[in-house]
Amino acid sequence: MEITMLYYLIPSLVMFGCGVYGFITRRNMIAILISLELMLNAVDLNFVVFNRFLFPGQLEGMFFTLFAIAIAAAETALAIAIIINVFRVSRDVDVKDLSKMKF
């Protein structure tokens, strides 16, 4: 039995769908950040899969994935710093309370 591209794309689609659902429905900024990271990991998986099946001898998909992981790590560090500052001011990390804040 040969493993086709579909075996990789279905879990990636599920991951991305769960990330979109979590991003839309959550109010907590940490949960929103986790959902965003889940979507980025699904995209990274797609980069690797399409590179493996469409261009098996080349590594462009792997390099894109490494850059995307590095950018995601920097984005996560920045987002957590912002969330910590918001928590210091409002003692809550719900998105609905951000509109009431005055800095």
PDB file of N, CA and C in Angstrom:
ATOM      1  N   MET A   1       0.840  -1.185   0.000  1.00  0.00           N
ATOM      2  CA  MET A   1       0.000   0.000   0.000  1.00  0.00           C
ATOM      3  C   MET A   1       0.886   1.249   0.000  1.00  0.00           C
ATOM      4  N   GLU A   2       0.640   2.101  -0.944  1.00  0.00           N
ATOM      5  CA  GLU A   2       1.432   3.316  -1.077  1.00  0.00           C
ATOM      6  C   GLU A   2       0.767   4.464  -0.330  1.00  0.00           C
ATOM      7  N   ILE A   3       1.572   5.217   0.370  1.00  0.00           N
ATOM      8  CA  ILE A   3       1.055   6.375   1.103  1.00  0.00           C
ATOM      9  C   ILE A   3       0.971   7.547   0.124  1.00  0.00           C
ATOM     10  N   THR A   4      -0.217   8.046  -0.069  1.00  0.00           N
ATOM     11  CA  THR A   4      -0.420   9.149  -1.002  1.00  0.00           C
ATOM     12  C   THR A   4      -0.443  10.477  -0.258  1.00  0.00           C
ATOM     13  N   MET A   5      -0.564  11.525  -1.034  1.00  0.00           N
ATOM     14  CA  MET A   5      -0.584  12.869  -0.465  1.00  0.00           C
ATOM     15  C   MET A   5      -1.814  13.082   0.421  1.00  0.00           C
ATOM     16  N   LEU A   6      -2.864  12.383   0.121  1.00  0.00           N
ATOM     17  CA  LEU A   6      -4.116  12.547   0.862  1.00  0.00           C
ATOM     18  C   LEU A   6      -3.966  12.176   2.330  1.00  0.00           C
ATOM     19  N   TYR A   7      -3.105  11.192   2.627  1.00  0.00           N
ATOM     20  CA  TYR A   7      -2.882  10.787   4.011  1.00  0.00           C
ATOM     21  C   TYR A   7      -2.256  11.898   4.846  1.00  0.00           C
ATOM     22  N   TYR A   8      -1.594  12.831   4.218  1.00  0.00           N
ATOM     23  CA  TYR A   8      -0.995  13.960   4.922  1.00  0.00           C
ATOM     24  C   TYR A   8      -1.892  15.196   4.898  1.00  0.00           C
ATOM     25  N   LEU A   9      -2.635  15.362   3.820  1.00  0.00           N
ATOM     26  CA  LEU A   9      -3.449  16.569   3.684  1.00  0.00           C
ATOM     27  C   LEU A   9      -4.703  16.545   4.550  1.00  0.00           C
ATOM     28  N   ILE A  10      -5.257  15.368   4.804  1.00  0.00           N
ATOM     29  CA  ILE A  10      -6.452  15.277   5.653  1.00  0.00           C
ATOM     30  C   ILE A  10      -6.136  15.718   7.090  1.00  0.00           C
ATOM     31  N   PRO A  11      -5.074  15.194   7.740  1.00  0.00           N
ATOM     32  CA  PRO A  11      -4.760  15.717   9.091  1.00  0.00           C
ATOM     33  C   PRO A  11      -4.416  17.212   9.086  1.00  0.00           C
ATOM     34  N   SER A  12      -3.777  17.670   8.019  1.00  0.00           N
ATOM     35  CA  SER A  12      -3.466  19.088   7.920  1.00  0.00           C
ATOM     36  C   SER A  12      -4.739  19.917   7.817  1.00  0.00           C
ATOM     37  N   LEU A  13      -5.701  19.441   7.053  1.00  0.00           N
ATOM     38  CA  LEU A  13      -6.985  20.127   6.935  1.00  0.00           C
ATOM     39  C   LEU A  13      -7.713  20.143   8.274  1.00  0.00           C
ATOM     40  N   VAL A  14      -7.673  19.041   9.002  1.00  0.00           N
ATOM     41  CA  VAL A  14      -8.317  18.981  10.314  1.00  0.00           C
ATOM     42  C   VAL A  14      -7.633  19.952  11.284  1.00  0.00           C
ATOM     43  N   MET A  15      -6.301  19.969  11.262  1.00  0.00           N
ATOM     44  CA  MET A  15      -5.564  20.903  12.128  1.00  0.00           C
ATOM     45  C   MET A  15      -5.924  22.348  11.810  1.00  0.00           C
ATOM     46  N   PHE A  16      -5.952  22.679  10.530  1.00  0.00           N
ATOM     47  CA  PHE A  16      -6.261  24.044  10.134  1.00  0.00           C
ATOM     48  C   PHE A  16      -7.694  24.408  10.507  1.00  0.00           C
ATOM     49  N   GLY A  17      -8.620  23.479  10.299  1.00  0.00           N
ATOM     50  CA  GLY A  17     -10.017  23.724  10.669  1.00  0.00           C
ATOM     51  C   GLY A  17     -10.191  23.930  12.164  1.00  0.00           C
ATOM     52  N   CYS A  18      -9.497  23.119  12.966  1.00  0.00           N
ATOM     53  CA  CYS A  18      -9.561  23.303  14.424  1.00  0.00           C
ATOM     54  C   CYS A  18      -8.965  24.647  14.829  1.00  0.00           C
ATOM     55  N   GLY A  19      -7.894  25.054  14.150  1.00  0.00           N
ATOM     56  CA  GLY A  19      -7.293  26.350  14.442  1.00  0.00           C
ATOM     57  C   GLY A  19      -8.210  27.507  14.099  1.00  0.00           C
ATOM     58  N   VAL A  20      -8.876  27.438  12.961  1.00  0.00           N
ATOM     59  CA  VAL A  20      -9.809  28.500  12.566  1.00  0.00           C
ATOM     60  C   VAL A  20     -10.989  28.553  13.535  1.00  0.00           C
ATOM     61  N   TYR A  21     -11.514  27.384  13.897  1.00  0.00           N
ATOM     62  CA  TYR A  21     -12.630  27.336  14.843  1.00  0.00           C
ATOM     63  C   TYR A  21     -12.226  27.933  16.196  1.00  0.00           C
ATOM     64  N   GLY A  22     -11.053  27.564  16.681  1.00  0.00           N
ATOM     65  CA  GLY A  22     -10.576  28.109  17.948  1.00  0.00           C
ATOM     66  C   GLY A  22     -10.303  29.600  17.877  1.00  0.00           C
ATOM     67  N   PHE A  23      -9.789  30.054  16.752  1.00  0.00           N
ATOM     68  CA  PHE A  23      -9.496  31.478  16.594  1.00  0.00           C
ATOM     69  C   PHE A  23     -10.771  32.314  16.589  1.00  0.00           C
ATOM     70  N   ILE A  24     -11.819  31.779  15.974  1.00  0.00           N
ATOM     71  CA  ILE A  24     -13.067  32.527  15.871  1.00  0.00           C
ATOM     72  C   ILE A  24     -13.869  32.484  17.166  1.00  0.00           C
ATOM     73  N   THR A  25     -13.870  31.348  17.850  1.00  0.00           N
ATOM     74  CA  THR A  25     -14.777  31.180  18.986  1.00  0.00           C
ATOM     75  C   THR A  25     -14.181  31.544  20.337  1.00  0.00           C
ATOM     76  N   ARG A  26     -12.901  31.614  20.494  1.00  0.00           N
ATOM     77  CA  ARG A  26     -12.296  31.856  21.809  1.00  0.00           C
ATOM     78  C   ARG A  26     -12.235  33.335  22.129  1.00  0.00           C
ATOM     79  N   ARG A  27     -12.290  33.635  23.419  1.00  0.00           N
ATOM     80  CA  ARG A  27     -12.152  35.014  23.885  1.00  0.00           C
ATOM     81  C   ARG A  27     -10.822  35.244  24.584  1.00  0.00           C
ATOM     82  N   ASN A  28     -10.222  34.191  25.066  1.00  0.00           N
ATOM     83  CA  ASN A  28      -8.952  34.283  25.771  1.00  0.00           C
ATOM     84  C   ASN A  28      -7.824  34.457  24.761  1.00  0.00           C
ATOM     85  N   MET A  29      -6.937  35.410  25.008  1.00  0.00           N
ATOM     86  CA  MET A  29      -5.864  35.686  24.050  1.00  0.00           C
ATOM     87  C   MET A  29      -4.868  34.543  23.950  1.00  0.00           C
ATOM     88  N   ILE A  30      -4.646  33.813  25.032  1.00  0.00           N
ATOM     89  CA  ILE A  30      -3.737  32.666  24.981  1.00  0.00           C
ATOM     90  C   ILE A  30      -4.329  31.568  24.083  1.00  0.00           C
ATOM     91  N   ALA A  31      -5.624  31.310  24.209  1.00  0.00           N
ATOM     92  CA  ALA A  31      -6.275  30.305  23.363  1.00  0.00           C
ATOM     93  C   ALA A  31      -6.258  30.735  21.899  1.00  0.00           C
ATOM     94  N   ILE A  32      -6.425  32.009  21.643  1.00  0.00           N
ATOM     95  CA  ILE A  32      -6.356  32.519  20.274  1.00  0.00           C
ATOM     96  C   ILE A  32      -4.953  32.325  19.709  1.00  0.00           C
ATOM     97  N   LEU A  33      -3.935  32.577  20.528  1.00  0.00           N
ATOM     98  CA  LEU A  33      -2.553  32.390  20.096  1.00  0.00           C
ATOM     99  C   LEU A  33      -2.268  30.919  19.797  1.00  0.00           C
ATOM    100  N   ILE A  34      -2.775  30.017  20.629  1.00  0.00           N
ATOM    101  CA  ILE A  34      -2.587  28.587  20.386  1.00  0.00           C
ATOM    102  C   ILE A  34      -3.278  28.174  19.091  1.00  0.00           C
ATOM    103  N   SER A  35      -4.465  28.699  18.838  1.00  0.00           N
ATOM    104  CA  SER A  35      -5.180  28.381  17.597  1.00  0.00           C
ATOM    105  C   SER A  35      -4.423  28.892  16.382  1.00  0.00           C
ATOM    106  N   LEU A  36      -3.844  30.065  16.496  1.00  0.00           N
ATOM    107  CA  LEU A  36      -3.045  30.616  15.407  1.00  0.00           C
ATOM    108  C   LEU A  36      -1.819  29.749  15.131  1.00  0.00           C
ATOM    109  N   GLU A  37      -1.175  29.271  16.182  1.00  0.00           N
ATOM    110  CA  GLU A  37      -0.017  28.394  16.012  1.00  0.00           C
ATOM    111  C   GLU A  37      -0.430  27.069  15.377  1.00  0.00           C
ATOM    112  N   LEU A  38      -1.611  26.576  15.714  1.00  0.00           N
ATOM    113  CA  LEU A  38      -2.107  25.344  15.107  1.00  0.00           C
ATOM    114  C   LEU A  38      -2.308  25.530  13.601  1.00  0.00           C
ATOM    115  N   MET A  39      -2.829  26.681  13.203  1.00  0.00           N
ATOM    116  CA  MET A  39      -2.995  26.961  11.775  1.00  0.00           C
ATOM    117  C   MET A  39      -1.637  27.061  11.074  1.00  0.00           C
ATOM    118  N   LEU A  40      -0.670  27.698  11.709  1.00  0.00           N
ATOM    119  CA  LEU A  40       0.657  27.820  11.109  1.00  0.00           C
ATOM    120  C   LEU A  40       1.337  26.451  10.974  1.00  0.00           C
ATOM    121  N   ASN A  41       1.140  25.572  11.947  1.00  0.00           N
ATOM    122  CA  ASN A  41       1.710  24.224  11.847  1.00  0.00           C
ATOM    123  C   ASN A  41       1.063  23.427  10.727  1.00  0.00           C
ATOM    124  N   ALA A  42      -0.224  23.625  10.492  1.00  0.00           N
ATOM    125  CA  ALA A  42      -0.887  22.956   9.374  1.00  0.00           C
ATOM    126  C   ALA A  42      -0.309  23.433   8.046  1.00  0.00           C
ATOM    127  N   VAL A  43      -0.044  24.715   7.934  1.00  0.00           N
ATOM    128  CA  VAL A  43       0.561  25.252   6.712  1.00  0.00           C
ATOM    129  C   VAL A  43       1.979  24.715   6.529  1.00  0.00           C
ATOM    130  N   ASP A  44       2.740  24.610   7.625  1.00  0.00           N
ATOM    131  CA  ASP A  44       4.087  24.039   7.541  1.00  0.00           C
ATOM    132  C   ASP A  44       4.049  22.593   7.070  1.00  0.00           C
ATOM    133  N   LEU A  45       3.085  21.848   7.559  1.00  0.00           N
ATOM    134  CA  LEU A  45       2.936  20.464   7.113  1.00  0.00           C
ATOM    135  C   LEU A  45       2.629  20.407   5.614  1.00  0.00           C
ATOM    136  N   ASN A  46       1.807  21.322   5.131  1.00  0.00           N
ATOM    137  CA  ASN A  46       1.510  21.374   3.696  1.00  0.00           C
ATOM    138  C   ASN A  46       2.750  21.715   2.876  1.00  0.00           C
ATOM    139  N   PHE A  47       3.578  22.638   3.367  1.00  0.00           N
ATOM    140  CA  PHE A  47       4.831  22.957   2.667  1.00  0.00           C
ATOM    141  C   PHE A  47       5.675  21.701   2.481  1.00  0.00           C
ATOM    142  N   VAL A  48       5.829  20.936   3.545  1.00  0.00           N
ATOM    143  CA  VAL A  48       6.677  19.749   3.484  1.00  0.00           C
ATOM    144  C   VAL A  48       6.067  18.687   2.578  1.00  0.00           C
ATOM    145  N   VAL A  49       4.767  18.485   2.683  1.00  0.00           N
ATOM    146  CA  VAL A  49       4.106  17.448   1.876  1.00  0.00           C
ATOM    147  C   VAL A  49       4.173  17.777   0.388  1.00  0.00           C
ATOM    148  N   PHE A  50       3.850  19.007   0.033  1.00  0.00           N
ATOM    149  CA  PHE A  50       3.891  19.360  -1.388  1.00  0.00           C
ATOM    150  C   PHE A  50       5.308  19.317  -1.930  1.00  0.00           C
ATOM    151  N   ASN A  51       6.280  19.680  -1.115  1.00  0.00           N
ATOM    152  CA  ASN A  51       7.663  19.577  -1.565  1.00  0.00           C
ATOM    153  C   ASN A  51       8.052  18.120  -1.770  1.00  0.00           C
ATOM    154  N   ARG A  52       7.643  17.260  -0.868  1.00  0.00           N
ATOM    155  CA  ARG A  52       8.004  15.837  -0.947  1.00  0.00           C
ATOM    156  C   ARG A  52       7.389  15.152  -2.157  1.00  0.00           C
ATOM    157  N   PHE A  53       6.142  15.478  -2.466  1.00  0.00           N
ATOM    158  CA  PHE A  53       5.459  14.779  -3.551  1.00  0.00           C
ATOM    159  C   PHE A  53       5.622  15.454  -4.910  1.00  0.00           C
ATOM    160  N   LEU A  54       5.769  16.758  -4.954  1.00  0.00           N
ATOM    161  CA  LEU A  54       5.874  17.435  -6.246  1.00  0.00           C
ATOM    162  C   LEU A  54       7.317  17.611  -6.703  1.00  0.00           C
ATOM    163  N   PHE A  55       8.215  17.899  -5.769  1.00  0.00           N
ATOM    164  CA  PHE A  55       9.630  18.109  -6.097  1.00  0.00           C
ATOM    165  C   PHE A  55      10.489  17.297  -5.129  1.00  0.00           C
ATOM    166  N   PRO A  56      10.559  15.981  -5.301  1.00  0.00           N
ATOM    167  CA  PRO A  56      11.207  15.136  -4.289  1.00  0.00           C
ATOM    168  C   PRO A  56      12.705  15.373  -4.123  1.00  0.00           C
ATOM    169  N   GLY A  57      13.386  15.855  -5.111  1.00  0.00           N
ATOM    170  CA  GLY A  57      14.826  16.042  -4.998  1.00  0.00           C
ATOM    171  C   GLY A  57      15.241  17.397  -4.464  1.00  0.00           C
ATOM    172  N   GLN A  58      14.305  18.291  -4.288  1.00  0.00           N
ATOM    173  CA  GLN A  58      14.635  19.657  -3.877  1.00  0.00           C
ATOM    174  C   GLN A  58      14.180  19.904  -2.440  1.00  0.00           C
ATOM    175  N   LEU A  59      14.717  20.949  -1.842  1.00  0.00           N
ATOM    176  CA  LEU A  59      14.444  21.212  -0.427  1.00  0.00           C
ATOM    177  C   LEU A  59      13.786  22.565  -0.178  1.00  0.00           C
ATOM    178  N   GLU A  60      13.168  23.162  -1.180  1.00  0.00           N
ATOM    179  CA  GLU A  60      12.570  24.476  -0.978  1.00  0.00           C
ATOM    180  C   GLU A  60      11.461  24.451   0.065  1.00  0.00           C
ATOM    181  N   GLY A  61      10.635  23.427   0.051  1.00  0.00           N
ATOM    182  CA  GLY A  61       9.555  23.318   1.033  1.00  0.00           C
ATOM    183  C   GLY A  61      10.086  23.196   2.443  1.00  0.00           C
ATOM    184  N   MET A  62      11.189  22.491   2.595  1.00  0.00           N
ATOM    185  CA  MET A  62      11.803  22.358   3.925  1.00  0.00           C
ATOM    186  C   MET A  62      12.345  23.699   4.410  1.00  0.00           C
ATOM    187  N   PHE A  63      12.957  24.451   3.509  1.00  0.00           N
ATOM    188  CA  PHE A  63      13.493  25.753   3.895  1.00  0.00           C
ATOM    189  C   PHE A  63      12.373  26.733   4.234  1.00  0.00           C
ATOM    190  N   PHE A  64      11.300  26.717   3.447  1.00  0.00           N
ATOM    191  CA  PHE A  64      10.142  27.562   3.776  1.00  0.00           C
ATOM    192  C   PHE A  64       9.590  27.203   5.142  1.00  0.00           C
ATOM    193  N   THR A  65       9.542  25.917   5.440  1.00  0.00           N
ATOM    194  CA  THR A  65       9.031  25.478   6.738  1.00  0.00           C
ATOM    195  C   THR A  65       9.942  25.946   7.866  1.00  0.00           C
ATOM    196  N   LEU A  66      11.238  25.849   7.680  1.00  0.00           N
ATOM    197  CA  LEU A  66      12.155  26.320   8.722  1.00  0.00           C
ATOM    198  C   LEU A  66      12.017  27.821   8.955  1.00  0.00           C
ATOM    199  N   PHE A  67      11.896  28.588   7.889  1.00  0.00           N
ATOM    200  CA  PHE A  67      11.694  30.024   8.043  1.00  0.00           C
ATOM    201  C   PHE A  67      10.358  30.325   8.709  1.00  0.00           C
ATOM    202  N   ALA A  68       9.324  29.584   8.341  1.00  0.00           N
ATOM    203  CA  ALA A  68       8.003  29.793   8.944  1.00  0.00           C
ATOM    204  C   ALA A  68       8.028  29.459  10.434  1.00  0.00           C
ATOM    205  N   ILE A  69       8.756  28.423  10.819  1.00  0.00           N
ATOM    206  CA  ILE A  69       8.867  28.077  12.236  1.00  0.00           C
ATOM    207  C   ILE A  69       9.617  29.169  12.985  1.00  0.00           C
ATOM    208  N   ALA A  70      10.666  29.703  12.391  1.00  0.00           N
ATOM    209  CA  ALA A  70      11.418  30.783  13.046  1.00  0.00           C
ATOM    210  C   ALA A  70      10.553  32.035  13.195  1.00  0.00           C
ATOM    211  N   ILE A  71       9.805  32.368  12.175  1.00  0.00           N
ATOM    212  CA  ILE A  71       8.918  33.534  12.249  1.00  0.00           C
ATOM    213  C   ILE A  71       7.813  33.300  13.260  1.00  0.00           C
ATOM    214  N   ALA A  72       7.291  32.075  13.320  1.00  0.00           N
ATOM    215  CA  ALA A  72       6.245  31.756  14.299  1.00  0.00           C
ATOM    216  C   ALA A  72       6.780  31.851  15.720  1.00  0.00           C
ATOM    217  N   ALA A  73       8.021  31.456  15.942  1.00  0.00           N
ATOM    218  CA  ALA A  73       8.609  31.568  17.277  1.00  0.00           C
ATOM    219  C   ALA A  73       8.760  33.031  17.685  1.00  0.00           C
ATOM    220  N   ALA A  74       9.199  33.868  16.759  1.00  0.00           N
ATOM    221  CA  ALA A  74       9.320  35.297  17.060  1.00  0.00           C
ATOM    222  C   ALA A  74       7.953  35.922  17.285  1.00  0.00           C
ATOM    223  N   GLU A  75       6.991  35.540  16.485  1.00  0.00           N
ATOM    224  CA  GLU A  75       5.623  36.060  16.642  1.00  0.00           C
ATOM    225  C   GLU A  75       5.025  35.635  17.975  1.00  0.00           C
ATOM    226  N   THR A  76       5.284  34.403  18.396  1.00  0.00           N
ATOM    227  CA  THR A  76       4.777  33.924  19.679  1.00  0.00           C
ATOM    228  C   THR A  76       5.412  34.677  20.837  1.00  0.00           C
ATOM    229  N   ALA A  77       6.700  34.902  20.772  1.00  0.00           N
ATOM    230  CA  ALA A  77       7.374  35.649  21.839  1.00  0.00           C
ATOM    231  C   ALA A  77       6.823  37.070  21.943  1.00  0.00           C
ATOM    232  N   LEU A  78       6.605  37.710  20.817  1.00  0.00           N
ATOM    233  CA  LEU A  78       6.049  39.064  20.823  1.00  0.00           C
ATOM    234  C   LEU A  78       4.615  39.075  21.336  1.00  0.00           C
ATOM    235  N   ALA A  79       3.819  38.102  20.913  1.00  0.00           N
ATOM    236  CA  ALA A  79       2.426  38.037  21.357  1.00  0.00           C
ATOM    237  C   ALA A  79       2.333  37.773  22.853  1.00  0.00           C
ATOM    238  N   ILE A  80       3.181  36.913  23.379  1.00  0.00           N
ATOM    239  CA  ILE A  80       3.156  36.645  24.816  1.00  0.00           C
ATOM    240  C   ILE A  80       3.580  37.875  25.591  1.00  0.00           C
ATOM    241  N   ALA A  81       4.542  38.638  25.085  1.00  0.00           N
ATOM    242  CA  ALA A  81       4.932  39.882  25.749  1.00  0.00           C
ATOM    243  C   ALA A  81       3.770  40.876  25.779  1.00  0.00           C
ATOM    244  N   ILE A  82       3.039  40.966  24.685  1.00  0.00           N
ATOM    245  CA  ILE A  82       1.869  41.859  24.643  1.00  0.00           C
ATOM    246  C   ILE A  82       0.797  41.374  25.603  1.00  0.00           C
ATOM    247  N   ILE A  83       0.567  40.072  25.651  1.00  0.00           N
ATOM    248  CA  ILE A  83      -0.453  39.515  26.548  1.00  0.00           C
ATOM    249  C   ILE A  83      -0.072  39.761  28.005  1.00  0.00           C
ATOM    250  N   ILE A  84       1.201  39.629  28.336  1.00  0.00           N
ATOM    251  CA  ILE A  84       1.637  39.895  29.713  1.00  0.00           C
ATOM    252  C   ILE A  84       1.398  41.350  30.077  1.00  0.00           C
ATOM    253  N   ASN A  85       1.690  42.281  29.173  1.00  0.00           N
ATOM    254  CA  ASN A  85       1.444  43.696  29.453  1.00  0.00           C
ATOM    255  C   ASN A  85      -0.040  44.003  29.585  1.00  0.00           C
ATOM    256  N   VAL A  86      -0.858  43.376  28.767  1.00  0.00           N
ATOM    257  CA  VAL A  86      -2.309  43.560  28.875  1.00  0.00           C
ATOM    258  C   VAL A  86      -2.803  43.018  30.208  1.00  0.00           C
ATOM    259  N   PHE A  87      -2.275  41.875  30.632  1.00  0.00           N
ATOM    260  CA  PHE A  87      -2.686  41.292  31.901  1.00  0.00           C
ATOM    261  C   PHE A  87      -2.277  42.175  33.077  1.00  0.00           C
ATOM    262  N   ARG A  88      -1.121  42.807  32.988  1.00  0.00           N
ATOM    263  CA  ARG A  88      -0.678  43.700  34.077  1.00  0.00           C
ATOM    264  C   ARG A  88      -1.615  44.885  34.237  1.00  0.00           C
ATOM    265  N   VAL A  89      -2.149  45.370  33.141  1.00  0.00           N
ATOM    266  CA  VAL A  89      -3.024  46.538  33.203  1.00  0.00           C
ATOM    267  C   VAL A  89      -4.445  46.157  33.601  1.00  0.00           C
ATOM    268  N   SER A  90      -5.001  45.127  32.982  1.00  0.00           N
ATOM    269  CA  SER A  90      -6.421  44.856  33.176  1.00  0.00           C
ATOM    270  C   SER A  90      -6.723  43.651  34.057  1.00  0.00           C
ATOM    271  N   ARG A  91      -5.714  42.874  34.443  1.00  0.00           N
ATOM    272  CA  ARG A  91      -5.896  41.666  35.246  1.00  0.00           C
ATOM    273  C   ARG A  91      -6.814  40.644  34.578  1.00  0.00           C
ATOM    274  N   ASP A  92      -6.900  40.688  33.262  1.00  0.00           N
ATOM    275  CA  ASP A  92      -7.713  39.754  32.502  1.00  0.00           C
ATOM    276  C   ASP A  92      -7.155  39.675  31.089  1.00  0.00           C
ATOM    277  N   VAL A  93      -7.285  38.514  30.456  1.00  0.00           N
ATOM    278  CA  VAL A  93      -6.757  38.359  29.098  1.00  0.00           C
ATOM    279  C   VAL A  93      -7.867  38.069  28.095  1.00  0.00           C
ATOM    280  N   ASP A  94      -9.077  38.482  28.408  1.00  0.00           N
ATOM    281  CA  ASP A  94     -10.175  38.323  27.458  1.00  0.00           C
ATOM    282  C   ASP A  94     -10.129  39.437  26.423  1.00  0.00           C
ATOM    283  N   VAL A  95     -10.434  39.089  25.190  1.00  0.00           N
ATOM    284  CA  VAL A  95     -10.375  40.045  24.091  1.00  0.00           C
ATOM    285  C   VAL A  95     -11.465  41.101  24.227  1.00  0.00           C
ATOM    286  N   LYS A  96     -12.612  40.737  24.772  1.00  0.00           N
ATOM    287  CA  LYS A  96     -13.716  41.696  24.879  1.00  0.00           C
ATOM    288  C   LYS A  96     -13.389  42.853  25.821  1.00  0.00           C
ATOM    289  N   ASP A  97     -12.471  42.656  26.753  1.00  0.00           N
ATOM    290  CA  ASP A  97     -12.099  43.717  27.687  1.00  0.00           C
ATOM    291  C   ASP A  97     -11.083  44.690  27.107  1.00  0.00           C
ATOM    292  N   LEU A  98     -10.506  44.373  25.960  1.00  0.00           N
ATOM    293  CA  LEU A  98      -9.496  45.259  25.383  1.00  0.00           C
ATOM    294  C   LEU A  98     -10.085  46.559  24.871  1.00  0.00           C
ATOM    295  N   SER A  99     -11.324  46.553  24.478  1.00  0.00           N
ATOM    296  CA  SER A  99     -11.920  47.784  23.964  1.00  0.00           C
ATOM    297  C   SER A  99     -12.181  48.796  25.079  1.00  0.00           C
ATOM    298  N   LYS A 100     -12.223  48.335  26.322  1.00  0.00           N
ATOM    299  CA  LYS A 100     -12.465  49.238  27.442  1.00  0.00           C
ATOM    300  C   LYS A 100     -11.188  49.827  28.013  1.00  0.00           C
ATOM    301  N   MET A 101     -10.054  49.339  27.592  1.00  0.00           N
ATOM    302  CA  MET A 101      -8.775  49.778  28.167  1.00  0.00           C
ATOM    303  C   MET A 101      -8.360  51.129  27.605  1.00  0.00           C
ATOM    304  N   LYS A 102      -7.763  51.932  28.446  1.00  0.00           N
ATOM    305  CA  LYS A 102      -7.192  53.208  28.020  1.00  0.00           C
ATOM    306  C   LYS A 102      -5.764  53.251  28.530  1.00  0.00           C
ATOM    307  N   PHE A 103      -4.829  53.435  27.617  1.00  0.00           N
ATOM    308  CA  PHE A 103      -3.426  53.464  28.011  1.00  0.00           C
ATOM    309  C   PHE A 103      -2.956  54.895  28.094  1.00  0.00           C
TER     310      PHE A 103
END
